[in-house]
Structures are given as structure tokens and as C-alpha cells.
Amino acid sequence: MSSYLFAFAAFLCIFGGSLAGLFFQKYLPAHHLSKESQDSVKIGAGLIATMAALILGLMVSSAKGTFDRVNVLVNEAAADVITLDRCLSDLGTESVPARVALRAQVSRVLSTVWPEDVKYSSGRSKAYLQSRIIPFIQIISSLPTGDAASLEYKGSALRIASDLAAKRSQISVEATSKLPLPLVVIPIFWITFLTFVYGLFAPRNATVILVLFFCAVSIAGAIYLICEMSTPLDGAIKVPSQPFRTALEMIGPA
């Protein structure tokens, strides 16, 4: 289920709970609406509200942590791409195929993860995408080395390429992790019950309904943010593409 649908379902449940409370209010016996009854119910509702707020806060923190970790990894990967290109350029003209492949990979990442930024890919990088991409480490390993300096550049390039491969795997794991469904459904159930209770004891007028409506919208918005930040490379809220766009502008053979 997409973030939009999940948030909309949460809104329907929560606002529906408040409307149900307002509806069933007229069927309650009068002594169930006494002040003593309301005070007792408010104690239980306050406990549930505290638990729901705690769980939602932890979920927001966890989702934001995932988003931030992927953002840091993307920035580090883009910096490694630029450093790798510099190391390859120091190896001379023999490294041109590796630099072409590197630029093509970066362009492909941009067009796949951030398709809205495909306009930033130059015509030259699109031509590179049409060629066969050989794995970087294999290309770099086959580069000739004539002296100690070129050997050192080649070793540095191999280390950076290995680090890039590790970061790519880590980004894939972090970005595709999913929130456990019960962790989202249970707080929504709690909050739906709370709004039902509030509806039972609230006066039936437009002001109360409007406030309960905006409460449901607010909680649905929080659920939407949690779902979106949990998948930082998909949806409307993504890790910025600027690091890779900057890298694409700075790398590749002249």
C-alpha cells in the first residue's frame, strides 16, 4: 500500500471513529454520561493517548533516522565517485574506459532513482549509457602501471571502488527496509478508539466536528511522513539528488 493510501485509510479510521462516537452518544443511558463516568473514561483515554504518542514519536524518530543514514551514505558515495575519478585521471589515457563507465553508472543512478532529474544528464553521458558497462573493479585491475606512483593511484582507485560497492549495498538495504505493519496499525487502532471516546462525550456541533476532522488530518499526516521517510529513495519525500548531480558534472574524461 502506498503512503497516500495508508494515510488516507488512517484518516478514514480516525475521523470515522469520532463520527461513530457522536452518533452512538444519543443511545447511551444518561448515567453513562455523568461526570463521574466521564472522569473514569478520561483516565483510561489519557493512558492510551500517552502510549499512542510514545509509539508515534518512536516511529517518526526511526523513520527520520533511516532517511538521515541514507542521505549520509548518498553524500559519501558521491564524494567517493569524484575521488575515484580523480585517481583514475592520474593514471593517464589508459583509464578513459573506466572513467566512461563510471560516468555512465552515475548517470544511470540519477535516471533510475531520480528520474525527474534526468534533464541534468548531458548528451555525452547518454551516449555512454548505450555502451556496455564493465564492472569497475575488473576494468581498474586491468589498467597498466608503469611506475610506483601509478601503482599507488591504481591501489587507491581499487579501494575506493570497493568502498563504493559496499556503500551501494548498504544504501540498498537501508532504503528498502519496511516498517512492520502492526507497528503502524496498532497506534491507528488506539487513536481511532480515542476519537470514538471523545465523540461519545463531546457536544454535537460543527466546531467539535471540525476540530476532530483536523485531528484526524494531523495524525494521517504523521503516518504519511513516517511511511515516506521509511523509503528514502522512493515516493514524494526522497534523499536529495544534488550530490550525484554535482558528481556527474565533475567526472568523466574531458
Protein backbone atom coordinates (compact mmCIF):
# COMPACT_ATOMS: atom_id res chain seq x y z
CA MET A 1 0.00 0.00 0.00
CA SER A 2 1.36 3.44 -0.93
CA SER A 3 1.95 6.17 1.64
CA TYR A 4 -1.02 8.14 0.30
CA LEU A 5 -3.41 5.22 0.66
CA PHE A 6 -2.09 4.33 4.09
CA ALA A 7 -2.51 7.91 5.31
CA PHE A 8 -5.99 8.13 3.76
CA ALA A 9 -7.01 4.86 5.42
CA ALA A 10 -5.72 6.20 8.74
CA PHE A 11 -7.75 9.40 8.28
CA LEU A 12 -10.92 7.45 7.50
CA CYS A 13 -10.49 5.23 10.56
CA ILE A 14 -9.72 8.08 12.96
CA PHE A 15 -12.34 10.54 11.73
CA GLY A 16 -14.83 7.70 11.33
CA GLY A 17 -14.25 6.79 14.97
CA SER A 18 -15.11 10.31 16.10
CA LEU A 19 -18.27 10.39 13.98
CA ALA A 20 -19.26 6.98 15.33
CA GLY A 21 -18.83 8.32 18.87
CA LEU A 22 -21.03 11.31 18.12
CA PHE A 23 -23.63 9.00 16.56
CA PHE A 24 -23.79 6.47 19.41
CA GLN A 25 -23.80 9.21 22.04
CA LYS A 26 -27.59 9.52 21.82
CA TYR A 27 -28.04 5.81 22.54
CA LEU A 28 -26.10 5.85 25.82
CA PRO A 29 -28.13 5.85 29.05
CA ALA A 30 -27.99 9.16 30.90
CA HIS A 31 -25.99 7.79 33.84
CA HIS A 32 -23.23 6.72 31.42
CA LEU A 33 -22.74 10.38 30.53
CA SER A 34 -22.43 11.56 34.14
CA LYS A 35 -19.36 13.49 35.27
CA GLU A 36 -18.09 10.52 37.27
CA SER A 37 -18.29 8.28 34.20
CA GLN A 38 -16.55 10.86 32.07
CA ASP A 39 -13.72 11.24 34.61
CA SER A 40 -13.16 7.48 34.71
CA VAL A 41 -13.14 7.19 30.93
CA LYS A 42 -10.75 10.14 30.62
CA ILE A 43 -8.21 8.36 32.82
CA GLY A 44 -8.19 5.33 30.52
CA ALA A 45 -8.19 7.52 27.40
CA GLY A 46 -5.25 9.51 28.75
CA LEU A 47 -3.25 6.32 29.24
CA ILE A 48 -3.97 5.17 25.68
CA ALA A 49 -3.16 8.64 24.33
CA THR A 50 0.21 8.56 26.11
CA MET A 51 1.07 5.16 24.64
CA ALA A 52 -0.03 6.21 21.15
CA ALA A 53 2.02 9.42 21.33
CA LEU A 54 5.06 7.48 22.51
CA ILE A 55 4.83 4.91 19.72
CA LEU A 56 4.23 7.57 17.04
CA GLY A 57 7.20 9.55 18.34
CA LEU A 58 9.44 6.47 18.19
CA MET A 59 8.21 5.69 14.67
CA VAL A 60 8.94 9.23 13.46
CA SER A 61 12.40 9.07 15.05
CA SER A 62 13.12 5.67 13.48
CA ALA A 63 11.93 6.78 10.02
CA LYS A 64 13.93 10.02 10.24
CA GLY A 65 17.00 8.00 11.30
CA THR A 66 16.66 5.79 8.22
CA PHE A 67 16.28 8.86 5.99
CA ASP A 68 19.33 10.55 7.52
CA ARG A 69 21.51 7.43 7.25
CA VAL A 70 20.70 7.01 3.56
CA ASN A 71 21.29 10.72 2.99
CA VAL A 72 24.75 10.47 4.58
CA LEU A 73 25.58 7.37 2.53
CA VAL A 74 24.48 9.08 -0.70
CA ASN A 75 26.68 12.09 0.08
CA GLU A 76 29.64 9.83 0.89
CA ALA A 77 29.10 7.77 -2.27
CA ALA A 78 29.01 10.91 -4.42
CA ALA A 79 32.25 12.15 -2.81
CA ASP A 80 33.85 8.74 -3.43
CA VAL A 81 32.81 8.91 -7.09
CA ILE A 82 34.60 12.24 -7.52
CA THR A 83 37.69 10.96 -5.69
CA LEU A 84 37.71 7.78 -7.78
CA ASP A 85 37.51 9.81 -10.99
CA ARG A 86 40.49 11.92 -9.84
CA CYS A 87 42.52 8.79 -9.10
CA LEU A 88 41.70 7.35 -12.50
CA SER A 89 42.56 10.59 -14.28
CA ASP A 90 46.03 10.46 -12.70
CA LEU A 91 46.60 7.08 -14.38
CA GLY A 92 46.54 8.71 -17.82
CA THR A 93 44.71 7.98 -21.03
CA GLU A 94 44.55 4.24 -20.28
CA SER A 95 41.90 4.98 -17.63
CA VAL A 96 39.45 6.60 -20.09
CA PRO A 97 37.26 3.44 -20.43
CA ALA A 98 36.98 3.20 -16.65
CA ARG A 99 36.06 6.88 -16.36
CA VAL A 100 33.49 6.49 -19.14
CA ALA A 101 31.94 3.54 -17.30
CA LEU A 102 31.99 5.47 -14.03
CA ARG A 103 30.16 8.43 -15.54
CA ALA A 104 27.64 6.10 -17.18
CA GLN A 105 26.93 4.42 -13.84
CA VAL A 106 26.35 7.77 -12.11
CA SER A 107 24.06 8.90 -14.94
CA ARG A 108 22.12 5.64 -14.71
CA VAL A 109 21.70 6.04 -10.95
CA LEU A 110 20.31 9.55 -11.49
CA SER A 111 17.89 8.47 -14.21
CA THR A 112 16.71 5.47 -12.18
CA VAL A 113 16.42 6.83 -8.63
CA TRP A 114 15.69 10.46 -9.52
CA PRO A 115 14.00 10.29 -12.95
CA GLU A 116 12.75 13.84 -12.51
CA ASP A 117 16.41 14.95 -12.72
CA VAL A 118 17.18 13.12 -15.96
CA LYS A 119 17.40 16.52 -17.66
CA TYR A 120 20.69 17.04 -15.88
CA SER A 121 22.29 14.16 -17.79
CA SER A 122 24.22 15.50 -20.73
CA GLY A 123 24.07 14.06 -24.22
CA ARG A 124 27.55 12.66 -23.75
CA SER A 125 26.54 10.67 -20.67
CA LYS A 126 23.50 9.30 -22.54
CA ALA A 127 25.87 8.00 -25.22
CA TYR A 128 27.90 6.30 -22.51
CA LEU A 129 24.74 4.61 -21.23
CA GLN A 130 24.30 2.91 -24.59
CA SER A 131 27.67 1.20 -24.28
CA ARG A 132 28.31 -1.99 -22.38
CA ILE A 133 29.21 -1.27 -18.74
CA ILE A 134 32.04 -3.46 -17.44
CA PRO A 135 32.40 -3.77 -13.66
CA PHE A 136 34.71 -1.08 -12.32
CA ILE A 137 36.98 -3.29 -10.31
CA GLN A 138 37.66 -5.54 -13.31
CA ILE A 139 38.46 -2.53 -15.51
CA ILE A 140 40.66 -0.89 -12.90
CA SER A 141 42.51 -4.14 -12.19
CA SER A 142 43.42 -4.46 -15.86
CA LEU A 143 44.91 -0.96 -16.09
CA PRO A 144 48.69 -0.94 -16.74
CA THR A 145 51.01 0.65 -14.18
CA GLY A 146 54.37 1.99 -15.25
CA ASP A 147 55.84 3.34 -12.02
CA ALA A 148 55.32 3.43 -8.26
CA ALA A 149 53.06 6.50 -8.44
CA SER A 150 50.67 4.92 -10.94
CA LEU A 151 50.66 1.74 -8.86
CA GLU A 152 49.63 3.77 -5.82
CA TYR A 153 46.86 5.54 -7.78
CA LYS A 154 45.61 2.18 -9.01
CA GLY A 155 45.55 0.78 -5.48
CA SER A 156 43.67 3.84 -4.22
CA ALA A 157 41.16 3.51 -7.06
CA LEU A 158 40.57 -0.15 -6.23
CA ARG A 159 40.00 0.66 -2.56
CA ILE A 160 37.55 3.45 -3.38
CA ALA A 161 35.69 1.23 -5.87
CA SER A 162 35.38 -1.45 -3.19
CA ASP A 163 34.08 1.12 -0.71
CA LEU A 164 31.55 2.31 -3.30
CA ALA A 165 30.31 -1.24 -3.79
CA ALA A 166 29.88 -1.61 -0.03
CA LYS A 167 28.03 1.71 0.27
CA ARG A 168 25.76 0.76 -2.62
CA SER A 169 24.80 -2.46 -0.83
CA GLN A 170 24.23 -0.60 2.42
CA ILE A 171 22.05 2.02 0.70
CA SER A 172 20.01 -0.74 -0.94
CA VAL A 173 19.42 -2.47 2.40
CA GLU A 174 18.57 0.75 4.27
CA ALA A 175 16.34 2.18 1.55
CA THR A 176 14.27 -0.97 1.05
CA SER A 177 13.62 -1.75 4.71
CA LYS A 178 9.91 -1.67 5.55
CA LEU A 179 8.09 -0.72 8.70
CA PRO A 180 6.40 -3.69 10.37
CA LEU A 181 2.68 -3.39 9.60
CA PRO A 182 1.49 -3.95 13.21
CA LEU A 183 3.70 -1.06 14.32
CA VAL A 184 1.56 1.27 12.21
CA VAL A 185 -1.84 -0.41 12.53
CA ILE A 186 -1.92 -0.70 16.32
CA PRO A 187 -1.38 3.04 17.04
CA ILE A 188 -4.05 3.85 14.43
CA PHE A 189 -6.43 1.50 16.26
CA TRP A 190 -5.63 3.17 19.58
CA ILE A 191 -6.20 6.66 18.18
CA THR A 192 -9.43 5.56 16.49
CA PHE A 193 -10.67 4.31 19.85
CA LEU A 194 -9.66 7.62 21.45
CA THR A 195 -11.58 9.69 18.92
CA PHE A 196 -14.57 7.39 19.42
CA VAL A 197 -14.43 8.11 23.16
CA TYR A 198 -14.05 11.85 22.55
CA GLY A 199 -17.06 11.71 20.24
CA LEU A 200 -19.14 9.94 22.88
CA PHE A 201 -18.73 12.75 25.39
CA ALA A 202 -18.37 15.77 23.10
CA PRO A 203 -21.24 18.12 22.29
CA ARG A 204 -22.56 17.60 18.79
CA ASN A 205 -21.85 20.81 16.93
CA ALA A 206 -19.86 21.99 13.91
CA THR A 207 -16.92 23.26 15.96
CA VAL A 208 -16.34 19.87 17.60
CA ILE A 209 -16.61 18.05 14.27
CA LEU A 210 -14.17 20.48 12.64
CA VAL A 211 -11.61 20.03 15.44
CA LEU A 212 -11.91 16.24 15.27
CA PHE A 213 -11.52 16.47 11.48
CA PHE A 214 -8.26 18.38 11.75
CA CYS A 215 -7.05 15.99 14.46
CA ALA A 216 -7.60 13.10 12.03
CA VAL A 217 -5.82 15.01 9.24
CA SER A 218 -2.85 15.71 11.53
CA ILE A 219 -2.45 12.07 12.56
CA ALA A 220 -2.82 10.94 8.93
CA GLY A 221 -0.11 13.45 8.00
CA ALA A 222 2.20 11.95 10.62
CA ILE A 223 1.53 8.45 9.26
CA TYR A 224 2.27 9.72 5.75
CA LEU A 225 5.61 11.22 6.84
CA ILE A 226 6.57 8.01 8.62
CA CYS A 227 5.83 5.87 5.56
CA GLU A 228 7.61 8.27 3.20
CA MET A 229 10.77 8.68 5.27
CA SER A 230 11.00 4.92 5.76
CA THR A 231 11.66 4.58 1.99
CA PRO A 232 14.11 7.45 1.33
CA LEU A 233 14.70 6.59 -2.34
CA ASP A 234 11.01 6.18 -3.28
CA GLY A 235 7.88 8.30 -3.11
CA ALA A 236 7.46 12.05 -2.79
CA ILE A 237 10.00 12.57 0.02
CA LYS A 238 13.39 11.47 -1.29
CA VAL A 239 17.00 11.93 -0.38
CA PRO A 240 18.21 14.91 -2.49
CA SER A 241 19.88 14.08 -5.79
CA GLN A 242 22.21 17.11 -5.66
CA PRO A 243 25.32 15.14 -4.57
CA PHE A 244 25.11 12.84 -7.60
CA ARG A 245 24.26 15.71 -9.93
CA THR A 246 27.36 17.54 -8.68
CA ALA A 247 29.43 14.40 -9.16
CA LEU A 248 28.11 13.95 -12.70
CA GLU A 249 29.19 17.49 -13.57
CA MET A 250 32.72 16.92 -12.21
CA ILE A 251 33.64 13.48 -13.53
CA GLY A 252 34.34 11.88 -16.89
CA PRO A 253 37.10 12.28 -19.48
CA ALA A 254 37.47 15.73 -20.99
